[in-house]
């Protein structure tokens, strides 16, 4: 049995609407992916900066001419250097101290 012209147009309109919906979902997914990649890149960059600061402090503490004689002074210096590059450890330090977050 042949399909009527009206039914054919209805099917075509339905398929067009579905295609538009799928295209919108794809665009939204692409935008979400781009945002996620951007966040991962920022996190990787921040982690790299933190690792550089920590490595620099480890080398300087091992050097005999280091002015930092106490563990407290070393900790304060490391904390200041990390803060200077935007590496925030407040949440981690509070969690380790047992404070509620």
N, C-alpha and C. Protein backbone atom coordinates (compact mmCIF):
# COMPACT_ATOMS: atom_id res chain seq x y z
N UNK A 1 0.84 -1.17 0.00
CA UNK A 1 0.00 0.00 0.00
C UNK A 1 0.89 1.24 0.00
N UNK A 2 0.53 2.18 -0.82
CA UNK A 2 1.30 3.40 -0.94
C UNK A 2 0.98 4.36 0.20
N UNK A 3 1.99 5.11 0.58
CA UNK A 3 1.81 6.10 1.65
C UNK A 3 1.29 7.40 1.04
N UNK A 4 0.43 8.08 1.73
CA UNK A 4 -0.14 9.31 1.20
C UNK A 4 0.89 10.45 1.28
N UNK A 5 0.65 11.43 0.47
CA UNK A 5 1.54 12.60 0.45
C UNK A 5 1.55 13.29 1.81
N UNK A 6 0.40 13.37 2.44
CA UNK A 6 0.30 14.02 3.75
C UNK A 6 1.13 13.25 4.78
N UNK A 7 1.05 11.93 4.80
CA UNK A 7 1.83 11.11 5.73
C UNK A 7 3.33 11.23 5.45
N UNK A 8 3.67 11.29 4.15
CA UNK A 8 5.07 11.44 3.77
C UNK A 8 5.63 12.77 4.26
N UNK A 9 4.87 13.84 4.10
CA UNK A 9 5.30 15.16 4.60
C UNK A 9 5.42 15.16 6.12
N UNK A 10 4.51 14.46 6.79
CA UNK A 10 4.57 14.37 8.25
C UNK A 10 5.83 13.63 8.68
N UNK A 11 6.17 12.55 7.99
CA UNK A 11 7.40 11.80 8.32
C UNK A 11 8.64 12.65 8.07
N UNK A 12 8.64 13.36 6.96
CA UNK A 12 9.79 14.22 6.64
C UNK A 12 9.94 15.32 7.70
N UNK A 13 8.83 15.92 8.12
CA UNK A 13 8.87 16.96 9.15
C UNK A 13 9.36 16.38 10.47
N UNK A 14 8.90 15.17 10.78
CA UNK A 14 9.35 14.52 12.02
C UNK A 14 10.84 14.25 11.98
N UNK A 15 11.33 13.74 10.86
CA UNK A 15 12.77 13.48 10.72
C UNK A 15 13.58 14.77 10.77
N UNK A 16 13.07 15.83 10.18
CA UNK A 16 13.77 17.12 10.21
C UNK A 16 13.86 17.65 11.64
N UNK A 17 12.75 17.52 12.38
CA UNK A 17 12.75 17.97 13.78
C UNK A 17 13.74 17.14 14.61
N UNK A 18 13.77 15.83 14.36
CA UNK A 18 14.71 14.97 15.09
C UNK A 18 16.15 15.34 14.75
N UNK A 19 16.42 15.61 13.48
CA UNK A 19 17.77 16.01 13.08
C UNK A 19 18.18 17.32 13.75
N UNK A 20 17.26 18.27 13.82
CA UNK A 20 17.56 19.54 14.49
C UNK A 20 17.85 19.31 15.97
N UNK A 21 17.06 18.45 16.59
CA UNK A 21 17.27 18.14 18.01
C UNK A 21 18.64 17.49 18.22
N UNK A 22 18.99 16.53 17.36
CA UNK A 22 20.28 15.86 17.47
C UNK A 22 21.43 16.83 17.21
N UNK A 23 21.26 17.74 16.27
CA UNK A 23 22.30 18.74 16.00
C UNK A 23 22.50 19.65 17.20
N UNK A 24 21.41 20.03 17.86
CA UNK A 24 21.51 20.87 19.06
C UNK A 24 22.22 20.11 20.17
N UNK A 25 21.89 18.82 20.34
CA UNK A 25 22.56 18.01 21.36
C UNK A 25 24.04 17.87 21.06
N UNK A 26 24.39 17.69 19.81
CA UNK A 26 25.79 17.57 19.41
C UNK A 26 26.55 18.87 19.69
N UNK A 27 25.94 20.00 19.39
CA UNK A 27 26.57 21.29 19.66
C UNK A 27 26.79 21.48 21.15
N UNK A 28 25.81 21.09 21.95
CA UNK A 28 25.93 21.20 23.41
C UNK A 28 27.03 20.29 23.93
N UNK A 29 27.12 19.09 23.40
CA UNK A 29 28.15 18.15 23.80
C UNK A 29 29.53 18.68 23.43
N UNK A 30 29.66 19.26 22.25
CA UNK A 30 30.93 19.85 21.83
C UNK A 30 31.34 20.99 22.76
N UNK A 31 30.38 21.82 23.14
CA UNK A 31 30.67 22.93 24.06
C UNK A 31 31.12 22.40 25.42
N UNK A 32 30.44 21.36 25.91
CA UNK A 32 30.82 20.75 27.18
C UNK A 32 32.22 20.15 27.10
N UNK A 33 32.52 19.51 25.98
CA UNK A 33 33.85 18.90 25.80
C UNK A 33 34.93 19.97 25.80
N UNK A 34 34.67 21.06 25.11
CA UNK A 34 35.64 22.16 25.05
C UNK A 34 35.88 22.74 26.45
N UNK A 35 34.82 22.92 27.22
CA UNK A 35 34.95 23.45 28.57
C UNK A 35 35.73 22.48 29.46
N UNK A 36 35.47 21.20 29.32
CA UNK A 36 36.17 20.19 30.11
C UNK A 36 37.66 20.15 29.77
N UNK A 37 37.97 20.21 28.49
CA UNK A 37 39.38 20.21 28.07
C UNK A 37 40.08 21.45 28.61
N UNK A 38 39.42 22.57 28.58
CA UNK A 38 40.00 23.82 29.09
C UNK A 38 40.29 23.70 30.59
N UNK A 39 39.35 23.12 31.34
CA UNK A 39 39.55 22.95 32.78
C UNK A 39 40.71 21.99 33.06
N UNK A 40 40.81 20.93 32.29
CA UNK A 40 41.91 19.98 32.47
C UNK A 40 43.25 20.63 32.14
N UNK A 41 43.29 21.45 31.12
CA UNK A 41 44.53 22.15 30.78
C UNK A 41 44.94 23.12 31.88
N UNK A 42 43.97 23.83 32.46
CA UNK A 42 44.28 24.74 33.57
C UNK A 42 44.79 23.97 34.77
N UNK A 43 44.17 22.84 35.08
CA UNK A 43 44.60 22.03 36.22
C UNK A 43 46.00 21.48 35.99
N UNK A 44 46.28 21.03 34.77
CA UNK A 44 47.61 20.50 34.46
C UNK A 44 48.66 21.60 34.57
N UNK A 45 48.32 22.79 34.10
CA UNK A 45 49.27 23.92 34.19
C UNK A 45 49.53 24.28 35.65
N UNK A 46 48.47 24.33 36.45
CA UNK A 46 48.63 24.66 37.88
C UNK A 46 49.45 23.59 38.58
N UNK A 47 49.20 22.35 38.28
CA UNK A 47 49.97 21.26 38.89
C UNK A 47 51.44 21.35 38.49
N UNK A 48 51.70 21.67 37.23
CA UNK A 48 53.08 21.80 36.77
C UNK A 48 53.80 22.94 37.50
N UNK A 49 53.11 24.07 37.67
CA UNK A 49 53.73 25.19 38.41
C UNK A 49 54.02 24.79 39.85
N UNK A 50 53.08 24.10 40.48
CA UNK A 50 53.30 23.66 41.86
C UNK A 50 54.47 22.70 41.96
N UNK A 51 54.57 21.77 41.02
CA UNK A 51 55.69 20.83 41.03
C UNK A 51 57.01 21.55 40.84
N UNK A 52 57.03 22.57 39.99
CA UNK A 52 58.26 23.35 39.79
C UNK A 52 58.69 24.04 41.08
N UNK A 53 57.74 24.64 41.78
CA UNK A 53 58.05 25.33 43.03
C UNK A 53 58.56 24.34 44.07
N UNK A 54 57.91 23.20 44.18
CA UNK A 54 58.34 22.19 45.16
C UNK A 54 59.73 21.68 44.82
N UNK A 55 60.00 21.41 43.56
CA UNK A 55 61.32 20.93 43.15
C UNK A 55 62.39 21.97 43.45
N UNK A 56 62.09 23.23 43.18
CA UNK A 56 63.05 24.31 43.46
C UNK A 56 63.35 24.38 44.95
N UNK A 57 62.32 24.25 45.77
CA UNK A 57 62.54 24.29 47.22
C UNK A 57 63.33 23.07 47.71
N UNK A 58 63.06 21.93 47.13
CA UNK A 58 63.82 20.73 47.54
C UNK A 58 65.30 20.90 47.23
N UNK A 59 65.60 21.44 46.07
CA UNK A 59 67.00 21.66 45.69
C UNK A 59 67.63 22.71 46.60
N UNK A 60 66.90 23.79 46.87
CA UNK A 60 67.47 24.85 47.69
C UNK A 60 67.67 24.42 49.14
N UNK A 61 66.78 23.58 49.65
CA UNK A 61 66.93 23.11 51.03
C UNK A 61 68.14 22.19 51.15
N UNK A 62 68.42 21.44 50.11
CA UNK A 62 69.57 20.54 50.14
C UNK A 62 70.89 21.28 49.99
N UNK A 63 70.84 22.52 49.53
CA UNK A 63 72.07 23.29 49.33
C UNK A 63 72.60 23.76 50.69
N UNK A 64 73.91 23.68 50.92
CA UNK A 64 74.47 24.05 52.23
C UNK A 64 74.30 25.53 52.58
N UNK A 65 74.13 26.38 51.61
CA UNK A 65 74.01 27.82 51.90
C UNK A 65 72.57 28.23 52.17
N UNK A 66 71.67 27.28 52.33
CA UNK A 66 70.26 27.60 52.55
C UNK A 66 70.08 28.31 53.89
N UNK A 67 69.31 29.39 53.83
CA UNK A 67 69.06 30.17 55.04
C UNK A 67 67.98 29.52 55.90
N UNK A 68 67.15 28.69 55.30
CA UNK A 68 66.05 28.08 56.03
C UNK A 68 66.59 26.97 56.93
N UNK A 69 66.67 27.24 58.22
CA UNK A 69 67.26 26.28 59.14
C UNK A 69 66.22 25.41 59.83
N UNK A 70 65.02 25.91 59.97
CA UNK A 70 64.00 25.14 60.68
C UNK A 70 62.94 24.61 59.72
N UNK A 71 62.32 23.52 60.09
CA UNK A 71 61.23 23.01 59.25
C UNK A 71 60.09 24.02 59.09
N UNK A 72 59.81 24.77 60.15
CA UNK A 72 58.75 25.78 60.08
C UNK A 72 59.09 26.86 59.05
N UNK A 73 60.35 27.31 59.04
CA UNK A 73 60.75 28.32 58.07
C UNK A 73 60.67 27.77 56.65
N UNK A 74 61.05 26.51 56.47
CA UNK A 74 60.96 25.88 55.15
C UNK A 74 59.50 25.77 54.71
N UNK A 75 58.64 25.38 55.63
CA UNK A 75 57.22 25.25 55.32
C UNK A 75 56.62 26.60 54.95
N UNK A 76 56.95 27.63 55.73
CA UNK A 76 56.42 28.96 55.45
C UNK A 76 56.91 29.48 54.10
N UNK A 77 58.17 29.25 53.80
CA UNK A 77 58.73 29.68 52.53
C UNK A 77 58.05 28.96 51.36
N UNK A 78 57.85 27.66 51.50
CA UNK A 78 57.19 26.87 50.45
C UNK A 78 55.75 27.33 50.27
N UNK A 79 55.06 27.56 51.36
CA UNK A 79 53.67 28.02 51.28
C UNK A 79 53.58 29.38 50.58
N UNK A 80 54.50 30.29 50.91
CA UNK A 80 54.50 31.61 50.27
C UNK A 80 54.80 31.50 48.78
N UNK A 81 55.76 30.65 48.42
CA UNK A 81 56.12 30.48 47.01
C UNK A 81 54.96 29.86 46.23
N UNK A 82 54.28 28.89 46.81
CA UNK A 82 53.14 28.28 46.13
C UNK A 82 51.99 29.28 45.98
N UNK A 83 51.76 30.06 47.01
CA UNK A 83 50.71 31.07 46.95
C UNK A 83 51.03 32.12 45.89
N UNK A 84 52.31 32.45 45.75
CA UNK A 84 52.73 33.45 44.77
C UNK A 84 52.43 33.01 43.33
N UNK A 85 52.47 31.71 43.06
CA UNK A 85 52.16 31.23 41.71
C UNK A 85 50.70 30.80 41.57
N UNK A 86 49.90 31.05 42.60
CA UNK A 86 48.48 30.75 42.52
C UNK A 86 48.11 29.32 42.86
N UNK A 87 48.98 28.64 43.56
CA UNK A 87 48.74 27.25 43.95
C UNK A 87 48.19 27.26 45.37
N UNK A 88 46.89 27.04 45.52
CA UNK A 88 46.21 27.19 46.81
C UNK A 88 46.06 25.82 47.48
N UNK A 89 46.65 25.68 48.64
CA UNK A 89 46.58 24.42 49.38
C UNK A 89 45.72 24.52 50.63
N UNK A 90 44.96 25.60 50.77
CA UNK A 90 44.20 25.78 52.02
C UNK A 90 43.25 24.63 52.30
N UNK A 91 42.49 24.18 51.30
CA UNK A 91 41.54 23.09 51.53
C UNK A 91 42.24 21.80 51.96
N UNK A 92 43.34 21.49 51.28
CA UNK A 92 44.07 20.26 51.61
C UNK A 92 44.67 20.35 53.02
N UNK A 93 45.23 21.51 53.37
CA UNK A 93 45.82 21.67 54.70
C UNK A 93 44.75 21.62 55.78
N UNK A 94 43.61 22.22 55.54
CA UNK A 94 42.52 22.16 56.52
C UNK A 94 42.01 20.73 56.69
N UNK A 95 41.92 20.00 55.57
CA UNK A 95 41.47 18.61 55.64
C UNK A 95 42.48 17.77 56.44
N UNK A 96 43.77 17.99 56.22
CA UNK A 96 44.79 17.24 56.95
C UNK A 96 44.82 17.61 58.43
N UNK A 97 44.46 18.86 58.73
CA UNK A 97 44.41 19.28 60.14
C UNK A 97 43.15 18.79 60.83
N UNK A 98 42.24 18.19 60.08
CA UNK A 98 41.01 17.63 60.66
C UNK A 98 39.90 18.66 60.80
N UNK A 99 40.04 19.81 60.18
CA UNK A 99 38.99 20.83 60.26
C UNK A 99 37.86 20.48 59.30
N UNK A 100 36.64 20.78 59.66
CA UNK A 100 35.52 20.51 58.73
C UNK A 100 35.60 21.45 57.53
N UNK A 101 35.27 20.92 56.37
CA UNK A 101 35.34 21.74 55.15
C UNK A 101 34.02 22.39 54.85
